[in-house]
Amino acid sequence: MKIAVTYENGNIFQHFGRTESFKVYEVEDGKVVSSEVIGSDGIGHGALAGLLAGNDIQVLICGGLGGGALNALKNAGIEVCAGASGNADEAVEAYLRGDLVDTGANCDHHHHEEGDECCGGHHDGEDHECCGEHGEGGGCCGRHAQQLTLEGKNAGKSVRVHYRGTFDDGTQFDSSYDRGETLDFVCGTGMMIRGFDKAVADMEVGQAVDVHLMPEEAYGPKDPEAIITIEIAQLPGSENLNVGERVYLRNMMGQPFPVTVTAKDDTTITLDANHEMAGRELNFHIELIEVQE
């Protein structure tokens, strides 16, 4: 069996679609017998499934992963364990022991619906564990709804779009145009924030629209209950964190969720599990490239 891990400097790279290298492990009788690092050749996430399949990969371990990439990997017969972080070698050993938790599609690219995030209900007293850095653009650990959540002629269909996202002051926070790859998702199934999904639901191929989203149709208002202050001694690894860092924690069920360090003193640390875009009004320029029936 061959296991591939998105790889950078010994650790699991958190952006599947942007990974430049994979570490490939050859496994026999449940043990790693050899490993090598291969390049992604600079191809985008849409072709990475084919690259891995061409190298006879049976299992992928990664950090952030979108729904379109997950479907492509599954169609290629590759088992996916997403949401992993930290040392790549240790993650493979954990997988072989059956200890690695798969979060499913989790890469947000600024478009997950608020209700899909693992950012609510994490209060003092829960058994948290700090489990490594959360790379830029890395996703949350929520599951994606599969049922239709809105109506429209494109609802339930796989769509491909280009988009540019900006704040009201004109600052750009994301752009598929700049990445040179489209965003692929199933429209109307909760994979996207609601306002983005609604805009695409009735678009024509080739059409471009500009939409302004209030927080209620984006990432929702800030939730004060998603901000926790705990003793540093109760969170192994937190003594090394700095204000402004974005990291993963694990809850009592072993599921990772991202938080931002907002305050720290000699004995306590404050963590904000709200999405980074919570409470903000967002603007999107969206261009519908393709609809698959």
Protein backbone atom coordinates (compact mmCIF):
# COMPACT_ATOMS: atom_id res chain seq x y z
CA MET A 1 0.00 0.00 0.00
CA LYS A 2 1.15 3.55 -0.72
CA ILE A 3 0.22 6.51 1.47
CA ALA A 4 0.81 10.10 0.33
CA VAL A 5 1.00 13.09 2.67
CA THR A 6 0.90 16.76 1.64
CA TYR A 7 4.40 17.73 2.70
CA GLU A 8 6.52 20.71 3.68
CA ASN A 9 9.63 20.74 5.92
CA GLY A 10 8.71 17.50 7.67
CA ASN A 11 5.13 18.55 8.42
CA ILE A 12 1.72 18.13 6.82
CA PHE A 13 1.12 21.03 4.43
CA GLN A 14 -2.32 22.48 5.12
CA HIS A 15 -3.43 23.45 1.57
CA PHE A 16 -4.04 20.39 -0.58
CA GLY A 17 -4.58 22.47 -3.72
CA ARG A 18 -1.34 24.40 -3.24
CA THR A 19 0.97 21.64 -2.07
CA GLU A 20 4.27 21.51 -3.91
CA SER A 21 5.37 18.12 -2.56
CA PHE A 22 3.98 14.84 -1.34
CA LYS A 23 5.83 12.39 0.88
CA VAL A 24 4.97 8.90 -0.29
CA TYR A 25 5.22 5.96 2.10
CA GLU A 26 5.41 2.33 1.02
CA VAL A 27 3.64 0.17 3.59
CA GLU A 28 3.85 -3.59 3.99
CA ASP A 29 2.19 -5.62 6.77
CA GLY A 30 1.13 -2.43 8.51
CA LYS A 31 4.64 -0.96 8.65
CA VAL A 32 6.45 1.71 6.63
CA VAL A 33 9.26 0.09 4.64
CA SER A 34 10.36 3.08 2.55
CA SER A 35 9.46 6.69 1.69
CA GLU A 36 10.24 9.33 -0.90
CA VAL A 37 9.25 12.92 -1.66
CA ILE A 38 7.69 13.67 -5.04
CA GLY A 39 6.78 17.04 -6.55
CA SER A 40 3.33 18.14 -7.63
CA ASP A 41 4.80 19.67 -10.82
CA GLY A 42 2.94 22.89 -10.05
CA ILE A 43 -0.46 21.55 -11.13
CA GLY A 44 -3.67 22.72 -9.46
CA HIS A 45 -5.97 20.75 -7.19
CA GLY A 46 -8.13 19.59 -10.10
CA ALA A 47 -5.29 17.47 -11.50
CA LEU A 48 -3.68 16.33 -8.25
CA ALA A 49 -6.02 13.35 -7.96
CA GLY A 50 -4.75 12.09 -11.31
CA LEU A 51 -1.15 12.64 -10.23
CA LEU A 52 -1.66 10.59 -7.07
CA ALA A 53 -3.57 7.86 -8.88
CA GLY A 54 -0.78 7.69 -11.45
CA ASN A 55 1.65 7.00 -8.62
CA ASP A 56 -0.53 4.15 -7.28
CA ILE A 57 -1.49 6.04 -4.11
CA GLN A 58 -4.24 4.34 -2.10
CA VAL A 59 -4.45 6.79 0.84
CA LEU A 60 -3.99 10.57 1.12
CA ILE A 61 -3.36 12.31 4.45
CA CYS A 62 -3.75 16.08 4.28
CA GLY A 63 -4.86 19.21 6.11
CA GLY A 64 -7.35 21.48 4.32
CA LEU A 65 -9.36 19.93 1.50
CA GLY A 66 -12.37 21.15 -0.49
CA GLY A 67 -15.43 19.17 -1.55
CA GLY A 68 -14.50 19.16 -5.23
CA ALA A 69 -11.03 17.79 -4.54
CA LEU A 70 -12.46 15.19 -2.15
CA ASN A 71 -14.87 13.93 -4.82
CA ALA A 72 -12.10 13.77 -7.41
CA LEU A 73 -9.90 11.74 -5.07
CA LYS A 74 -12.72 9.35 -4.20
CA ASN A 75 -13.52 8.91 -7.88
CA ALA A 76 -9.86 7.98 -8.37
CA GLY A 77 -10.21 5.29 -5.70
CA ILE A 78 -8.10 7.13 -3.13
CA GLU A 79 -9.04 7.04 0.54
CA VAL A 80 -8.73 10.49 2.15
CA CYS A 81 -7.93 11.39 5.75
CA ALA A 82 -8.27 15.19 5.99
CA GLY A 83 -7.81 17.60 8.87
CA ALA A 84 -4.42 16.24 9.93
CA SER A 85 -1.56 18.47 11.10
CA GLY A 86 1.91 18.24 12.59
CA ASN A 87 4.70 15.82 11.75
CA ALA A 88 4.07 13.81 8.58
CA ASP A 89 5.82 10.62 9.76
CA GLU A 90 3.86 10.62 13.02
CA ALA A 91 0.58 11.11 11.16
CA VAL A 92 1.26 8.05 9.01
CA GLU A 93 2.03 5.97 12.10
CA ALA A 94 -1.20 7.24 13.71
CA TYR A 95 -3.13 6.26 10.58
CA LEU A 96 -1.66 2.77 10.62
CA ARG A 97 -2.67 2.42 14.29
CA GLY A 98 -6.20 3.58 13.44
CA ASP A 99 -5.80 6.74 15.58
CA LEU A 100 -6.02 9.40 12.86
CA VAL A 101 -9.38 11.22 12.69
CA ASP A 102 -10.79 12.15 9.27
CA THR A 103 -12.77 15.42 9.21
CA GLY A 104 -13.97 15.09 5.60
CA ALA A 105 -14.08 18.09 3.25
CA ASN A 106 -12.88 21.02 5.29
CA CYS A 107 -11.14 23.61 3.15
CA ASP A 108 -12.98 26.90 3.31
CA HIS A 109 -11.35 29.27 0.76
CA HIS A 110 -13.57 31.83 2.53
CA HIS A 111 -16.79 30.08 1.51
CA HIS A 112 -18.07 27.63 4.11
CA GLU A 113 -21.50 28.21 5.50
CA GLU A 114 -21.50 29.37 9.10
CA GLY A 115 -23.33 26.30 10.38
CA ASP A 116 -20.63 23.99 9.06
CA GLU A 117 -17.90 25.32 11.31
CA CYS A 118 -16.58 23.62 14.43
CA CYS A 119 -16.52 26.92 16.27
CA GLY A 120 -19.50 26.73 18.61
CA GLY A 121 -19.98 25.06 21.95
CA HIS A 122 -16.33 24.81 22.99
CA HIS A 123 -16.45 26.04 26.56
CA ASP A 124 -14.18 25.96 29.60
CA GLY A 125 -13.88 22.53 31.10
CA GLU A 126 -13.64 20.65 27.82
CA ASP A 127 -10.55 18.56 27.31
CA HIS A 128 -8.71 20.52 24.63
CA GLU A 129 -5.34 19.79 23.14
CA CYS A 130 -3.21 22.08 21.00
CA CYS A 131 -2.24 20.20 17.85
CA GLY A 132 -0.23 22.50 15.63
CA GLU A 133 -0.35 25.50 13.37
CA HIS A 134 -3.27 26.20 11.12
CA GLY A 135 -1.93 27.37 7.76
CA GLU A 136 -3.28 30.33 5.89
CA GLY A 137 -6.56 29.49 4.27
CA GLY A 138 -6.77 26.14 6.07
CA GLY A 139 -10.23 25.01 6.76
CA CYS A 140 -12.51 24.22 9.59
CA CYS A 141 -13.44 20.74 10.62
CA GLY A 142 -17.20 20.72 10.02
CA ARG A 143 -19.15 18.34 7.87
CA HIS A 144 -20.94 19.51 4.74
CA ALA A 145 -24.65 18.97 4.33
CA GLN A 146 -25.58 16.81 1.36
CA GLN A 147 -29.26 17.75 1.07
CA LEU A 148 -30.39 20.79 -0.92
CA THR A 149 -30.54 23.91 1.24
CA LEU A 150 -31.91 26.30 -1.40
CA GLU A 151 -33.71 26.32 -4.75
CA GLY A 152 -32.56 27.40 -8.20
CA LYS A 153 -31.91 25.92 -11.62
CA ASN A 154 -28.30 25.13 -10.67
CA ALA A 155 -29.15 23.66 -7.26
CA GLY A 156 -27.83 20.13 -6.87
CA LYS A 157 -25.50 20.47 -9.85
CA SER A 158 -21.71 20.59 -9.90
CA VAL A 159 -20.60 24.07 -10.87
CA ARG A 160 -17.29 25.73 -11.65
CA VAL A 161 -16.79 29.41 -10.91
CA HIS A 162 -14.15 32.10 -10.77
CA TYR A 163 -14.53 34.72 -8.04
CA ARG A 164 -12.88 37.66 -6.34
CA GLY A 165 -13.68 38.61 -2.75
CA THR A 166 -13.19 42.08 -1.28
CA PHE A 167 -14.04 44.02 1.87
CA ASP A 168 -15.98 47.29 1.67
CA ASP A 169 -12.76 49.31 1.63
CA GLY A 170 -11.73 47.52 -1.58
CA THR A 171 -9.13 45.26 0.04
CA GLN A 172 -9.04 41.88 -1.67
CA PHE A 173 -9.06 38.87 0.65
CA ASP A 174 -9.28 36.05 -1.90
CA SER A 175 -9.29 35.43 -5.64
CA SER A 176 -9.51 32.29 -7.74
CA TYR A 177 -8.28 34.38 -10.68
CA ASP A 178 -5.01 35.02 -8.87
CA ARG A 179 -4.60 31.32 -8.05
CA GLY A 180 -5.26 30.42 -11.66
CA GLU A 181 -7.78 27.72 -10.79
CA THR A 182 -11.56 27.67 -10.55
CA LEU A 183 -13.61 26.84 -7.50
CA ASP A 184 -15.70 23.67 -7.98
CA PHE A 185 -18.63 22.75 -5.73
CA VAL A 186 -22.14 21.34 -5.70
CA CYS A 187 -24.52 24.29 -5.69
CA GLY A 188 -27.21 24.50 -3.03
CA THR A 189 -25.91 21.75 -0.73
CA GLY A 190 -24.39 23.89 2.01
CA MET A 191 -20.81 23.62 0.80
CA MET A 192 -20.66 27.42 0.49
CA ILE A 193 -21.77 30.36 2.57
CA ARG A 194 -25.42 30.98 1.82
CA GLY A 195 -25.13 34.30 0.01
CA PHE A 196 -22.49 32.97 -2.38
CA ASP A 197 -24.58 29.84 -3.02
CA LYS A 198 -27.75 31.90 -3.67
CA ALA A 199 -25.94 34.08 -6.19
CA VAL A 200 -24.81 31.06 -8.23
CA ALA A 201 -28.12 29.15 -8.02
CA ASP A 202 -29.79 31.00 -10.91
CA MET A 203 -26.81 32.22 -12.93
CA GLU A 204 -26.24 31.43 -16.60
CA VAL A 205 -22.95 29.99 -17.84
CA GLY A 206 -20.74 32.91 -18.85
CA GLN A 207 -22.63 35.36 -16.64
CA ALA A 208 -20.80 37.45 -14.04
CA VAL A 209 -22.46 39.08 -11.02
CA ASP A 210 -21.40 41.31 -8.15
CA VAL A 211 -22.99 40.66 -4.76
CA HIS A 212 -22.77 42.34 -1.36
CA LEU A 213 -23.31 40.01 1.59
CA MET A 214 -24.26 41.01 5.11
CA PRO A 215 -22.79 38.81 7.89
CA GLU A 216 -26.04 36.85 8.15
CA GLU A 217 -25.50 35.49 4.62
CA ALA A 218 -21.76 35.08 5.06
CA TYR A 219 -20.13 33.90 8.29
CA GLY A 220 -22.66 35.28 10.73
CA PRO A 221 -22.11 37.70 13.62
CA LYS A 222 -19.35 37.18 16.18
CA ASP A 223 -20.41 34.65 18.82
CA PRO A 224 -19.08 35.62 22.28
CA GLU A 225 -19.54 32.04 23.46
CA ALA A 226 -16.94 30.93 20.90
CA ILE A 227 -14.27 32.90 22.77
CA ILE A 228 -12.67 30.97 25.62
CA THR A 229 -10.03 31.78 28.23
CA ILE A 230 -8.25 28.82 29.80
CA GLU A 231 -5.21 28.09 31.95
CA ILE A 232 -2.03 27.64 29.91
CA ALA A 233 -1.19 24.64 32.09
CA GLN A 234 -4.40 22.94 30.87
CA LEU A 235 -3.44 23.29 27.18
CA PRO A 236 -0.14 21.55 26.39
CA GLY A 237 1.82 23.49 23.78
CA SER A 238 0.01 26.79 24.35
CA GLU A 239 2.98 28.23 26.23
CA ASN A 240 4.71 28.59 22.85
CA LEU A 241 1.84 30.43 21.13
CA ASN A 242 1.72 34.16 20.42
CA VAL A 243 -1.18 36.59 20.03
CA GLY A 244 -2.46 36.56 16.45
CA GLU A 245 -1.48 32.95 15.71
CA ARG A 246 -4.06 30.64 14.13
CA VAL A 247 -3.89 27.06 15.44
CA TYR A 248 -5.91 23.86 15.66
CA LEU A 249 -7.33 22.46 18.88
CA ARG A 250 -8.90 19.05 19.37
CA ASN A 251 -12.12 18.62 21.31
CA MET A 252 -13.18 15.71 23.51
CA MET A 253 -14.14 13.69 20.41
CA GLY A 254 -10.68 14.13 18.89
CA GLN A 255 -11.96 16.46 16.16
CA PRO A 256 -9.76 19.45 15.22
CA PHE A 257 -11.11 23.00 15.00
CA PRO A 258 -9.28 26.28 14.26
CA VAL A 259 -8.90 29.11 16.78
CA THR A 260 -7.03 32.43 16.91
CA VAL A 261 -4.98 33.50 19.93
CA THR A 262 -6.38 36.91 20.96
CA ALA A 263 -4.78 37.42 24.38
CA LYS A 264 -2.19 35.82 26.62
CA ASP A 265 -0.58 36.48 30.00
CA ASP A 266 1.64 34.48 32.35
CA THR A 267 -1.08 32.00 33.31
CA THR A 268 -3.99 32.19 30.83
CA ILE A 269 -4.60 32.26 27.09
CA THR A 270 -7.69 33.49 25.22
CA LEU A 271 -8.76 31.70 22.05
CA ASP A 272 -11.37 32.85 19.53
CA ALA A 273 -13.07 30.03 17.61
CA ASN A 274 -15.16 32.40 15.48
CA HIS A 275 -14.43 32.30 11.77
CA GLU A 276 -11.95 34.99 10.76
CA MET A 277 -14.68 36.57 8.58
CA ALA A 278 -17.40 36.51 11.25
CA GLY A 279 -19.20 39.83 11.62
CA ARG A 280 -17.87 41.23 8.34
CA GLU A 281 -19.71 42.39 5.24
CA LEU A 282 -18.24 40.82 2.10
CA ASN A 283 -18.32 41.56 -1.62
CA PHE A 284 -17.91 38.96 -4.34
CA HIS A 285 -17.47 39.18 -8.09
CA ILE A 286 -18.60 35.74 -9.34
CA GLU A 287 -18.30 34.35 -12.87
CA LEU A 288 -20.02 31.06 -13.71
CA ILE A 289 -17.72 29.02 -15.94
CA GLU A 290 -19.47 25.64 -16.19
CA VAL A 291 -22.48 23.67 -14.98
CA GLN A 292 -22.42 19.88 -15.08
CA GLU A 293 -25.83 18.28 -15.39
